[in-house]
C-alpha cells in the first residue's frame, strides 16, 4: 500500500494538472456514480489527507483511496495509457491533460461539507497542515500495551505511515516492532523521525531511509528478509503478527501471499531485540 509521501506527491501532480481548469470529459466506472457527469465543473484543488485523496470541484468532492494497487496517471491527450483501459475507474480530463485513476480502492462523491465522513477519523497528518506531535503521541499512548508497529500503522493515531516506514523507523531506533508502546521512553523522537523520513522523500519517487540513492541500497530492513543487516550482518527476519483491536486485544489477521510484502514486519534480530513481554505473550 502506498505510503503517505507517495499519496502527497500524487495529490500535487493532480493539483498541477487539474486545478483551476474546467473538466471537458469525465468518467466514473463505479456503479454508484456511473451516471454522474462532472463535465463543465472547475476543479478547485486536490489535497492529500494521510493516504486519502480529495479532489475538490465547484459543487462536490471526489474522494479516492489507492489501497494496495491503485494509482493515478497524468497523460497528455493522444498519449498511450500505461495500464489497460478496463482498469480505469476514474477519468478527469481538461483541454490539456487526462488524469486517469487505475485500480482505485475507493471512489466516492461527497458533499464538501461532509468530507469528515471519510477522513474525519484520521489522526494528525505527518505531511499535512494539521500536524501535531503532541496529539499523535497522545493517541499512540492511549493503548500502552499495543505493539508499536501496529500502533504506527493505525491511521487513527497518525496518518501517513505504511509498512515501509513502520519497519524503517523501528530499525533506526533499535526497537523491535512488537515492543509495547508503553515501554518506549522516547516516543516523540521516534514519531518525529518518521515525519522527517516522509518529508525527505515526498519530492522523489524513490524512498530512501539509509542515505544511499543507489537502486536496492536505499532501505535498512523493509522487504529484505534473509539479506544481511546493513549494520551488523545478521539476516533480516520477517513475520506476520496478530493485529490489535482498539481496545487492546489481540486478533488474528488473514494475510494472502501477494500481500506479504505489505503486511509482513521486517526487523534485524540483533539490532532490534524482541521485548520480553512479546516473548511471554506467545508462551
C-alpha atoms as a PDB file:
ATOM      1  CA  UNK A   1       0.000   0.000   0.000  1.00  0.00           C
ATOM      2  CA  UNK A   2       1.432   3.419  -0.920  1.00  0.00           C
ATOM      3  CA  UNK A   3       2.904   5.455   1.922  1.00  0.00           C
ATOM      4  CA  UNK A   4       1.830   8.967   2.832  1.00  0.00           C
ATOM      5  CA  UNK A   5       4.648  10.570   0.853  1.00  0.00           C
ATOM      6  CA  UNK A   6       3.543   8.794  -2.332  1.00  0.00           C
ATOM      7  CA  UNK A   7      -0.043   9.963  -1.824  1.00  0.00           C
ATOM      8  CA  UNK A   8       1.166  13.525  -1.095  1.00  0.00           C
ATOM      9  CA  UNK A   9       3.113  13.527  -4.366  1.00  0.00           C
ATOM     10  CA  UNK A  10       0.106  12.116  -6.239  1.00  0.00           C
ATOM     11  CA  UNK A  11      -2.076  14.909  -4.863  1.00  0.00           C
ATOM     12  CA  UNK A  12       0.419  17.517  -6.027  1.00  0.00           C
ATOM     13  CA  UNK A  13       0.530  16.071  -9.552  1.00  0.00           C
ATOM     14  CA  UNK A  14      -3.265  16.002  -9.774  1.00  0.00           C
ATOM     15  CA  UNK A  15      -3.437  19.539  -8.446  1.00  0.00           C
ATOM     16  CA  UNK A  16      -0.932  20.801 -11.015  1.00  0.00           C
ATOM     17  CA  UNK A  17      -2.759  19.124 -13.903  1.00  0.00           C
ATOM     18  CA  UNK A  18      -6.366  19.833 -12.954  1.00  0.00           C
ATOM     19  CA  UNK A  19      -6.736  22.805 -10.621  1.00  0.00           C
ATOM     20  CA  UNK A  20      -8.355  25.982 -11.955  1.00  0.00           C
ATOM     21  CA  UNK A  21      -9.269  24.116 -15.148  1.00  0.00           C
ATOM     22  CA  UNK A  22     -12.735  23.172 -16.425  1.00  0.00           C
ATOM     23  CA  UNK A  23     -13.397  19.487 -16.956  1.00  0.00           C
ATOM     24  CA  UNK A  24     -14.146  18.648 -20.592  1.00  0.00           C
ATOM     25  CA  UNK A  25     -14.702  14.927 -20.058  1.00  0.00           C
ATOM     26  CA  UNK A  26     -15.338  12.741 -17.016  1.00  0.00           C
ATOM     27  CA  UNK A  27     -15.839   9.050 -16.484  1.00  0.00           C
ATOM     28  CA  UNK A  28     -16.647   7.216 -13.250  1.00  0.00           C
ATOM     29  CA  UNK A  29     -16.566   3.438 -13.574  1.00  0.00           C
ATOM     30  CA  UNK A  30     -18.278   2.936 -10.245  1.00  0.00           C
ATOM     31  CA  UNK A  31     -21.859   1.608 -10.057  1.00  0.00           C
ATOM     32  CA  UNK A  32     -22.982   4.234  -7.539  1.00  0.00           C
ATOM     33  CA  UNK A  33     -21.723   7.145  -9.650  1.00  0.00           C
ATOM     34  CA  UNK A  34     -21.748   5.774 -13.208  1.00  0.00           C
ATOM     35  CA  UNK A  35     -24.480   8.170 -14.364  1.00  0.00           C
ATOM     36  CA  UNK A  36     -22.880  11.266 -12.829  1.00  0.00           C
ATOM     37  CA  UNK A  37     -21.326  13.679 -15.318  1.00  0.00           C
ATOM     38  CA  UNK A  38     -18.908  16.244 -13.881  1.00  0.00           C
ATOM     39  CA  UNK A  39     -18.175  17.842 -17.255  1.00  0.00           C
ATOM     40  CA  UNK A  40     -18.213  21.634 -17.088  1.00  0.00           C
ATOM     41  CA  UNK A  41     -17.181  21.873 -13.471  1.00  0.00           C
ATOM     42  CA  UNK A  42     -13.976  23.612 -12.498  1.00  0.00           C
ATOM     43  CA  UNK A  43     -11.501  21.760 -10.283  1.00  0.00           C
ATOM     44  CA  UNK A  44     -10.594  23.796  -7.219  1.00  0.00           C
ATOM     45  CA  UNK A  45      -7.738  21.708  -5.819  1.00  0.00           C
ATOM     46  CA  UNK A  46      -6.535  18.234  -4.891  1.00  0.00           C
ATOM     47  CA  UNK A  47      -5.132  17.612  -1.424  1.00  0.00           C
ATOM     48  CA  UNK A  48      -3.977  14.549   0.447  1.00  0.00           C
ATOM     49  CA  UNK A  49      -5.099  13.580   3.918  1.00  0.00           C
ATOM     50  CA  UNK A  50      -2.916  10.739   5.105  1.00  0.00           C
ATOM     51  CA  UNK A  51      -3.449   8.099   2.423  1.00  0.00           C
ATOM     52  CA  UNK A  52      -6.680   9.649   1.127  1.00  0.00           C
ATOM     53  CA  UNK A  53      -7.054  11.986  -1.842  1.00  0.00           C
ATOM     54  CA  UNK A  54      -9.642  14.765  -2.011  1.00  0.00           C
ATOM     55  CA  UNK A  55     -10.242  16.392  -5.395  1.00  0.00           C
ATOM     56  CA  UNK A  56     -12.491  19.380  -4.758  1.00  0.00           C
ATOM     57  CA  UNK A  57     -14.714  20.594  -7.558  1.00  0.00           C
ATOM     58  CA  UNK A  58     -17.162  23.503  -7.557  1.00  0.00           C
ATOM     59  CA  UNK A  59     -20.055  21.537  -6.063  1.00  0.00           C
ATOM     60  CA  UNK A  60     -18.672  18.218  -4.858  1.00  0.00           C
ATOM     61  CA  UNK A  61     -15.542  16.422  -3.650  1.00  0.00           C
ATOM     62  CA  UNK A  62     -14.148  13.320  -5.328  1.00  0.00           C
ATOM     63  CA  UNK A  63     -12.642  11.102  -2.640  1.00  0.00           C
ATOM     64  CA  UNK A  64     -10.270   8.344  -3.744  1.00  0.00           C
ATOM     65  CA  UNK A  65      -8.008   5.895  -1.948  1.00  0.00           C
ATOM     66  CA  UNK A  66      -5.284   3.905  -3.686  1.00  0.00           C
ATOM     67  CA  UNK A  67      -5.427   0.898  -1.308  1.00  0.00           C
ATOM     68  CA  UNK A  68      -2.952  -1.832  -2.369  1.00  0.00           C
ATOM     69  CA  UNK A  69      -2.786  -1.456  -6.137  1.00  0.00           C
ATOM     70  CA  UNK A  70      -4.293   1.884  -7.128  1.00  0.00           C
ATOM     71  CA  UNK A  71      -2.522   4.706  -8.938  1.00  0.00           C
ATOM     72  CA  UNK A  72      -3.235   7.978 -10.731  1.00  0.00           C
ATOM     73  CA  UNK A  73      -1.578   8.715 -14.074  1.00  0.00           C
ATOM     74  CA  UNK A  74      -1.425  12.034 -15.909  1.00  0.00           C
ATOM     75  CA  UNK A  75      -1.444  11.920 -19.719  1.00  0.00           C
ATOM     76  CA  UNK A  76      -1.398  14.472 -22.485  1.00  0.00           C
ATOM     77  CA  UNK A  77      -4.246  13.941 -24.931  1.00  0.00           C
ATOM     78  CA  UNK A  78      -3.327  11.319 -27.503  1.00  0.00           C
ATOM     79  CA  UNK A  79      -0.744   9.627 -25.273  1.00  0.00           C
ATOM     80  CA  UNK A  80      -0.957   5.882 -24.799  1.00  0.00           C
ATOM     81  CA  UNK A  81      -2.055   4.752 -21.348  1.00  0.00           C
ATOM     82  CA  UNK A  82       0.449   2.644 -19.433  1.00  0.00           C
ATOM     83  CA  UNK A  83      -2.285   0.464 -17.919  1.00  0.00           C
ATOM     84  CA  UNK A  84      -5.205  -1.252 -19.683  1.00  0.00           C
ATOM     85  CA  UNK A  85      -8.387   0.785 -20.074  1.00  0.00           C
ATOM     86  CA  UNK A  86     -10.533  -1.767 -18.246  1.00  0.00           C
ATOM     87  CA  UNK A  87      -8.600  -0.984 -15.054  1.00  0.00           C
ATOM     88  CA  UNK A  88      -9.506   2.715 -15.213  1.00  0.00           C
ATOM     89  CA  UNK A  89     -12.101   3.646 -12.588  1.00  0.00           C
ATOM     90  CA  UNK A  90     -11.960   7.424 -12.988  1.00  0.00           C
ATOM     91  CA  UNK A  91     -11.059   9.766 -15.854  1.00  0.00           C
ATOM     92  CA  UNK A  92     -10.931  13.541 -15.354  1.00  0.00           C
ATOM     93  CA  UNK A  93      -9.910  15.469 -18.459  1.00  0.00           C
ATOM     94  CA  UNK A  94      -9.458  19.126 -19.330  1.00  0.00           C
ATOM     95  CA  UNK A  95      -8.256  20.762 -22.545  1.00  0.00           C
ATOM     96  CA  UNK A  96      -4.644  19.731 -21.918  1.00  0.00           C
ATOM     97  CA  UNK A  97      -4.480  16.758 -19.560  1.00  0.00           C
ATOM     98  CA  UNK A  98      -6.176  13.498 -18.704  1.00  0.00           C
ATOM     99  CA  UNK A  99      -5.980  12.243 -15.115  1.00  0.00           C
ATOM    100  CA  UNK A 100      -6.731   8.524 -15.014  1.00  0.00           C
ATOM    101  CA  UNK A 101      -7.230   6.585 -11.789  1.00  0.00           C
ATOM    102  CA  UNK A 102      -6.417   2.904 -12.227  1.00  0.00           C
ATOM    103  CA  UNK A 103      -7.458   0.119  -9.813  1.00  0.00           C
ATOM    104  CA  UNK A 104      -8.516   2.654  -7.192  1.00  0.00           C
ATOM    105  CA  UNK A 105      -9.548   1.008  -3.945  1.00  0.00           C
ATOM    106  CA  UNK A 106     -12.203   3.599  -3.084  1.00  0.00           C
ATOM    107  CA  UNK A 107     -14.109   6.121  -5.173  1.00  0.00           C
ATOM    108  CA  UNK A 108     -16.774   8.353  -3.617  1.00  0.00           C
ATOM    109  CA  UNK A 109     -18.516  11.610  -4.416  1.00  0.00           C
ATOM    110  CA  UNK A 110     -19.365  13.564  -1.277  1.00  0.00           C
ATOM    111  CA  UNK A 111     -20.590  16.989  -0.323  1.00  0.00           C
ATOM    112  CA  UNK A 112     -17.655  19.190   0.625  1.00  0.00           C
ATOM    113  CA  UNK A 113     -19.239  19.910   3.986  1.00  0.00           C
ATOM    114  CA  UNK A 114     -19.189  16.163   4.691  1.00  0.00           C
ATOM    115  CA  UNK A 115     -15.542  15.376   3.956  1.00  0.00           C
ATOM    116  CA  UNK A 116     -15.129  14.400   7.599  1.00  0.00           C
ATOM    117  CA  UNK A 117     -17.327  11.396   6.869  1.00  0.00           C
ATOM    118  CA  UNK A 118     -14.380   9.845   5.016  1.00  0.00           C
ATOM    119  CA  UNK A 119     -11.316  11.443   6.655  1.00  0.00           C
ATOM    120  CA  UNK A 120     -12.547  12.741  10.000  1.00  0.00           C
ATOM    121  CA  UNK A 121     -11.402   9.600  11.811  1.00  0.00           C
ATOM    122  CA  UNK A 122      -7.758  10.137  10.865  1.00  0.00           C
ATOM    123  CA  UNK A 123      -5.105  11.262  13.301  1.00  0.00           C
ATOM    124  CA  UNK A 124      -2.731  14.172  12.580  1.00  0.00           C
ATOM    125  CA  UNK A 125      -1.276  14.005   9.067  1.00  0.00           C
ATOM    126  CA  UNK A 126       2.514  13.697   9.100  1.00  0.00           C
ATOM    127  CA  UNK A 127       2.705  15.810   5.925  1.00  0.00           C
ATOM    128  CA  UNK A 128      -0.341  17.977   6.493  1.00  0.00           C
ATOM    129  CA  UNK A 129      -1.059  21.403   7.945  1.00  0.00           C
ATOM    130  CA  UNK A 130      -2.870  19.764  10.861  1.00  0.00           C
ATOM    131  CA  UNK A 131       0.268  18.008  12.118  1.00  0.00           C
ATOM    132  CA  UNK A 132       0.540  17.911  15.921  1.00  0.00           C
ATOM    133  CA  UNK A 133       3.264  15.870  17.590  1.00  0.00           C
ATOM    134  CA  UNK A 134       1.528  16.058  20.959  1.00  0.00           C
ATOM    135  CA  UNK A 135      -1.781  14.809  19.552  1.00  0.00           C
ATOM    136  CA  UNK A 136      -0.119  11.941  17.688  1.00  0.00           C
ATOM    137  CA  UNK A 137       1.878  10.797  20.715  1.00  0.00           C
ATOM    138  CA  UNK A 138      -1.195  11.036  22.928  1.00  0.00           C
ATOM    139  CA  UNK A 139      -3.177   8.818  20.560  1.00  0.00           C
ATOM    140  CA  UNK A 140      -0.362   6.284  20.346  1.00  0.00           C
ATOM    141  CA  UNK A 141      -0.077   6.087  24.127  1.00  0.00           C
ATOM    142  CA  UNK A 142      -3.813   5.596  24.604  1.00  0.00           C
ATOM    143  CA  UNK A 143      -3.315   1.797  24.424  1.00  0.00           C
ATOM    144  CA  UNK A 144       0.099   1.298  26.095  1.00  0.00           C
ATOM    145  CA  UNK A 145       0.134  -2.491  25.679  1.00  0.00           C
ATOM    146  CA  UNK A 146      -0.336  -2.296  21.902  1.00  0.00           C
ATOM    147  CA  UNK A 147       2.717  -3.262  19.798  1.00  0.00           C
ATOM    148  CA  UNK A 148       4.459  -0.213  18.362  1.00  0.00           C
ATOM    149  CA  UNK A 149       4.360  -1.473  14.776  1.00  0.00           C
ATOM    150  CA  UNK A 150       0.600  -1.900  14.774  1.00  0.00           C
ATOM    151  CA  UNK A 151       0.044   1.403  16.575  1.00  0.00           C
ATOM    152  CA  UNK A 152       2.082   3.261  13.935  1.00  0.00           C
ATOM    153  CA  UNK A 153       0.043   1.704  11.136  1.00  0.00           C
ATOM    154  CA  UNK A 154      -3.262   2.709  12.707  1.00  0.00           C
ATOM    155  CA  UNK A 155      -4.246   5.808  10.755  1.00  0.00           C
ATOM    156  CA  UNK A 156      -6.470   6.903  13.642  1.00  0.00           C
ATOM    157  CA  UNK A 157      -3.294   7.614  15.615  1.00  0.00           C
ATOM    158  CA  UNK A 158      -1.341   9.434  12.918  1.00  0.00           C
ATOM    159  CA  UNK A 159      -1.941   9.480   9.201  1.00  0.00           C
ATOM    160  CA  UNK A 160       0.615   8.581   6.549  1.00  0.00           C
ATOM    161  CA  UNK A 161       2.806   5.768   7.889  1.00  0.00           C
ATOM    162  CA  UNK A 162       2.674   2.490   5.984  1.00  0.00           C
ATOM    163  CA  UNK A 163       4.528  -0.772   6.362  1.00  0.00           C
ATOM    164  CA  UNK A 164       7.752   0.557   4.854  1.00  0.00           C
ATOM    165  CA  UNK A 165       8.190   3.481   7.226  1.00  0.00           C
ATOM    166  CA  UNK A 166       6.968   1.421  10.161  1.00  0.00           C
ATOM    167  CA  UNK A 167       9.780  -1.063   9.613  1.00  0.00           C
ATOM    168  CA  UNK A 168      12.426   1.553   8.875  1.00  0.00           C
ATOM    169  CA  UNK A 169      11.779   3.869  11.809  1.00  0.00           C
ATOM    170  CA  UNK A 170      11.670   0.930  14.242  1.00  0.00           C
ATOM    171  CA  UNK A 171      15.066  -0.167  12.941  1.00  0.00           C
ATOM    172  CA  UNK A 172      16.552   3.316  13.169  1.00  0.00           C
ATOM    173  CA  UNK A 173      15.561   3.472  16.852  1.00  0.00           C
ATOM    174  CA  UNK A 174      16.701  -0.099  17.575  1.00  0.00           C
ATOM    175  CA  UNK A 175      13.195  -1.044  18.679  1.00  0.00           C
ATOM    176  CA  UNK A 176      11.504  -4.341  17.873  1.00  0.00           C
ATOM    177  CA  UNK A 177       8.111  -3.628  16.231  1.00  0.00           C
ATOM    178  CA  UNK A 178       6.376  -5.841  18.804  1.00  0.00           C
ATOM    179  CA  UNK A 179       7.558  -3.649  21.673  1.00  0.00           C
ATOM    180  CA  UNK A 180       4.536  -2.296  23.583  1.00  0.00           C
ATOM    181  CA  UNK A 181       4.080   1.438  23.101  1.00  0.00           C
ATOM    182  CA  UNK A 182       4.100   1.946  26.870  1.00  0.00           C
ATOM    183  CA  UNK A 183       7.679   0.687  27.122  1.00  0.00           C
ATOM    184  CA  UNK A 184       9.090   3.419  24.864  1.00  0.00           C
ATOM    185  CA  UNK A 185      10.678   6.285  26.745  1.00  0.00           C
ATOM    186  CA  UNK A 186      11.364   8.490  23.720  1.00  0.00           C
ATOM    187  CA  UNK A 187       8.239   8.001  21.610  1.00  0.00           C
ATOM    188  CA  UNK A 188       8.103  11.677  20.481  1.00  0.00           C
ATOM    189  CA  UNK A 189      11.566  11.440  18.899  1.00  0.00           C
ATOM    190  CA  UNK A 190      10.603   8.262  17.059  1.00  0.00           C
ATOM    191  CA  UNK A 191       7.466   9.887  15.672  1.00  0.00           C
ATOM    192  CA  UNK A 192       9.394  12.978  14.607  1.00  0.00           C
ATOM    193  CA  UNK A 193      11.927  10.770  12.829  1.00  0.00           C
ATOM    194  CA  UNK A 194       9.110   9.099  10.920  1.00  0.00           C
ATOM    195  CA  UNK A 195       7.831  12.516   9.888  1.00  0.00           C
ATOM    196  CA  UNK A 196      11.322  13.557   8.769  1.00  0.00           C
ATOM    197  CA  UNK A 197      11.642  10.419   6.622  1.00  0.00           C
ATOM    198  CA  UNK A 198       8.363  11.075   4.825  1.00  0.00           C
ATOM    199  CA  UNK A 199       9.248  14.738   4.356  1.00  0.00           C
ATOM    200  CA  UNK A 200      12.662  13.962   2.868  1.00  0.00           C
ATOM    201  CA  UNK A 201      11.169  11.515   0.352  1.00  0.00           C
ATOM    202  CA  UNK A 202       7.981  13.301  -0.679  1.00  0.00           C
ATOM    203  CA  UNK A 203       9.624  15.070  -3.630  1.00  0.00           C
ATOM    204  CA  UNK A 204      11.049  11.898  -5.225  1.00  0.00           C
ATOM    205  CA  UNK A 205       9.693   8.548  -6.350  1.00  0.00           C
ATOM    206  CA  UNK A 206      12.479   6.561  -4.686  1.00  0.00           C
ATOM    207  CA  UNK A 207      12.023   6.080  -0.939  1.00  0.00           C
ATOM    208  CA  UNK A 208      15.363   6.208   0.871  1.00  0.00           C
ATOM    209  CA  UNK A 209      15.972   5.836   4.596  1.00  0.00           C
ATOM    210  CA  UNK A 210      19.561   4.539   4.622  1.00  0.00           C
ATOM    211  CA  UNK A 211      21.080   7.544   2.854  1.00  0.00           C
ATOM    212  CA  UNK A 212      22.097   5.630  -0.277  1.00  0.00           C
ATOM    213  CA  UNK A 213      20.336   6.581  -3.512  1.00  0.00           C
ATOM    214  CA  UNK A 214      21.605   3.576  -5.457  1.00  0.00           C
ATOM    215  CA  UNK A 215      18.870   1.173  -6.538  1.00  0.00           C
ATOM    216  CA  UNK A 216      18.473  -1.606  -3.988  1.00  0.00           C
ATOM    217  CA  UNK A 217      20.543   0.175  -1.332  1.00  0.00           C
ATOM    218  CA  UNK A 218      18.083   2.729  -0.002  1.00  0.00           C
ATOM    219  CA  UNK A 219      16.352   0.817   2.803  1.00  0.00           C
ATOM    220  CA  UNK A 220      17.569  -0.780   6.028  1.00  0.00           C
ATOM    221  CA  UNK A 221      15.201  -3.721   6.527  1.00  0.00           C
ATOM    222  CA  UNK A 222      11.939  -3.381   4.571  1.00  0.00           C
ATOM    223  CA  UNK A 223      11.399  -6.233   2.057  1.00  0.00           C
ATOM    224  CA  UNK A 224      14.939  -7.526   2.796  1.00  0.00           C
ATOM    225  CA  UNK A 225      14.090 -10.774   4.596  1.00  0.00           C
ATOM    226  CA  UNK A 226      17.061 -13.157   4.588  1.00  0.00           C
ATOM    227  CA  UNK A 227      19.510 -10.471   3.465  1.00  0.00           C
ATOM    228  CA  UNK A 228      22.291  -9.256   5.796  1.00  0.00           C
ATOM    229  CA  UNK A 229      21.663  -6.289   8.044  1.00  0.00           C
ATOM    230  CA  UNK A 230      23.477  -3.245   6.702  1.00  0.00           C
ATOM    231  CA  UNK A 231      24.791  -2.546  10.222  1.00  0.00           C
ATOM    232  CA  UNK A 232      25.697  -5.901  11.764  1.00  0.00           C
ATOM    233  CA  UNK A 233      25.369  -8.524   9.012  1.00  0.00           C
ATOM    234  CA  UNK A 234      22.684 -10.577  10.773  1.00  0.00           C
ATOM    235  CA  UNK A 235      19.997 -11.940   8.458  1.00  0.00           C
ATOM    236  CA  UNK A 236      16.899  -9.760   8.384  1.00  0.00           C
ATOM    237  CA  UNK A 237      13.775 -11.523   9.569  1.00  0.00           C
ATOM    238  CA  UNK A 238      10.142 -11.107   8.650  1.00  0.00           C
ATOM    239  CA  UNK A 239       6.885 -12.357  10.078  1.00  0.00           C
ATOM    240  CA  UNK A 240       3.197 -11.521  10.281  1.00  0.00           C
ATOM    241  CA  UNK A 241       1.927 -10.875  13.779  1.00  0.00           C
ATOM    242  CA  UNK A 242      -1.539 -10.633  15.248  1.00  0.00           C
ATOM    243  CA  UNK A 243      -3.168  -7.252  14.957  1.00  0.00           C
ATOM    244  CA  UNK A 244      -4.555  -5.491  17.983  1.00  0.00           C
ATOM    245  CA  UNK A 245      -8.034  -4.054  18.267  1.00  0.00           C
ATOM    246  CA  UNK A 246      -8.649  -0.527  19.515  1.00  0.00           C
ATOM    247  CA  UNK A 247      -9.428  -1.988  22.935  1.00  0.00           C
ATOM    248  CA  UNK A 248      -6.019  -3.604  23.199  1.00  0.00           C
ATOM    249  CA  UNK A 249      -6.993  -7.207  22.462  1.00  0.00           C
ATOM    250  CA  UNK A 250      -5.031  -9.328  20.024  1.00  0.00           C
ATOM    251  CA  UNK A 251      -6.933 -10.541  16.967  1.00  0.00           C
ATOM    252  CA  UNK A 252      -5.768 -12.846  14.201  1.00  0.00           C
ATOM    253  CA  UNK A 253      -5.273 -11.440  10.728  1.00  0.00           C
ATOM    254  CA  UNK A 254      -5.539 -13.197   7.400  1.00  0.00           C
ATOM    255  CA  UNK A 255      -2.703 -12.443   5.007  1.00  0.00           C
ATOM    256  CA  UNK A 256      -2.670 -13.677   1.416  1.00  0.00           C
ATOM    257  CA  UNK A 257       0.685 -14.483  -0.234  1.00  0.00           C
ATOM    258  CA  UNK A 258       0.529 -11.440  -2.531  1.00  0.00           C
ATOM    259  CA  UNK A 259       0.077  -9.157   0.481  1.00  0.00           C
ATOM    260  CA  UNK A 260       3.061 -10.496   2.455  1.00  0.00           C
ATOM    261  CA  UNK A 261       5.343  -7.617   1.486  1.00  0.00           C
ATOM    262  CA  UNK A 262       2.721  -5.089   2.555  1.00  0.00           C
ATOM    263  CA  UNK A 263       1.744  -6.732   5.854  1.00  0.00           C
ATOM    264  CA  UNK A 264       4.898  -8.555   6.988  1.00  0.00           C
ATOM    265  CA  UNK A 265       7.040  -6.983   9.664  1.00  0.00           C
ATOM    266  CA  UNK A 266      10.788  -6.726   8.975  1.00  0.00           C
ATOM    267  CA  UNK A 267      13.496  -6.369  11.596  1.00  0.00           C
ATOM    268  CA  UNK A 268      17.078  -7.261  12.491  1.00  0.00           C
ATOM    269  CA  UNK A 269      17.062  -9.732  15.411  1.00  0.00           C
ATOM    270  CA  UNK A 270      20.430  -8.417  16.593  1.00  0.00           C
ATOM    271  CA  UNK A 271      19.852  -4.660  16.313  1.00  0.00           C
ATOM    272  CA  UNK A 272      16.222  -4.900  17.436  1.00  0.00           C
ATOM    273  CA  UNK A 273      15.898  -7.303  20.345  1.00  0.00           C
ATOM    274  CA  UNK A 274      12.458  -8.783  20.873  1.00  0.00           C
ATOM    275  CA  UNK A 275      10.979  -7.487  24.149  1.00  0.00           C
ATOM    276  CA  UNK A 276      10.398  -9.954  26.969  1.00  0.00           C
ATOM    277  CA  UNK A 277       6.734  -9.023  27.049  1.00  0.00           C
ATOM    278  CA  UNK A 278       6.283 -10.163  23.437  1.00  0.00           C
ATOM    279  CA  UNK A 279       8.057 -13.468  24.089  1.00  0.00           C
ATOM    280  CA  UNK A 280       5.975 -14.103  27.185  1.00  0.00           C
ATOM    281  CA  UNK A 281       2.751 -13.409  25.284  1.00  0.00           C
ATOM    282  CA  UNK A 282       3.473 -16.316  22.927  1.00  0.00           C
ATOM    283  CA  UNK A 283       4.043 -18.842  25.692  1.00  0.00           C
END
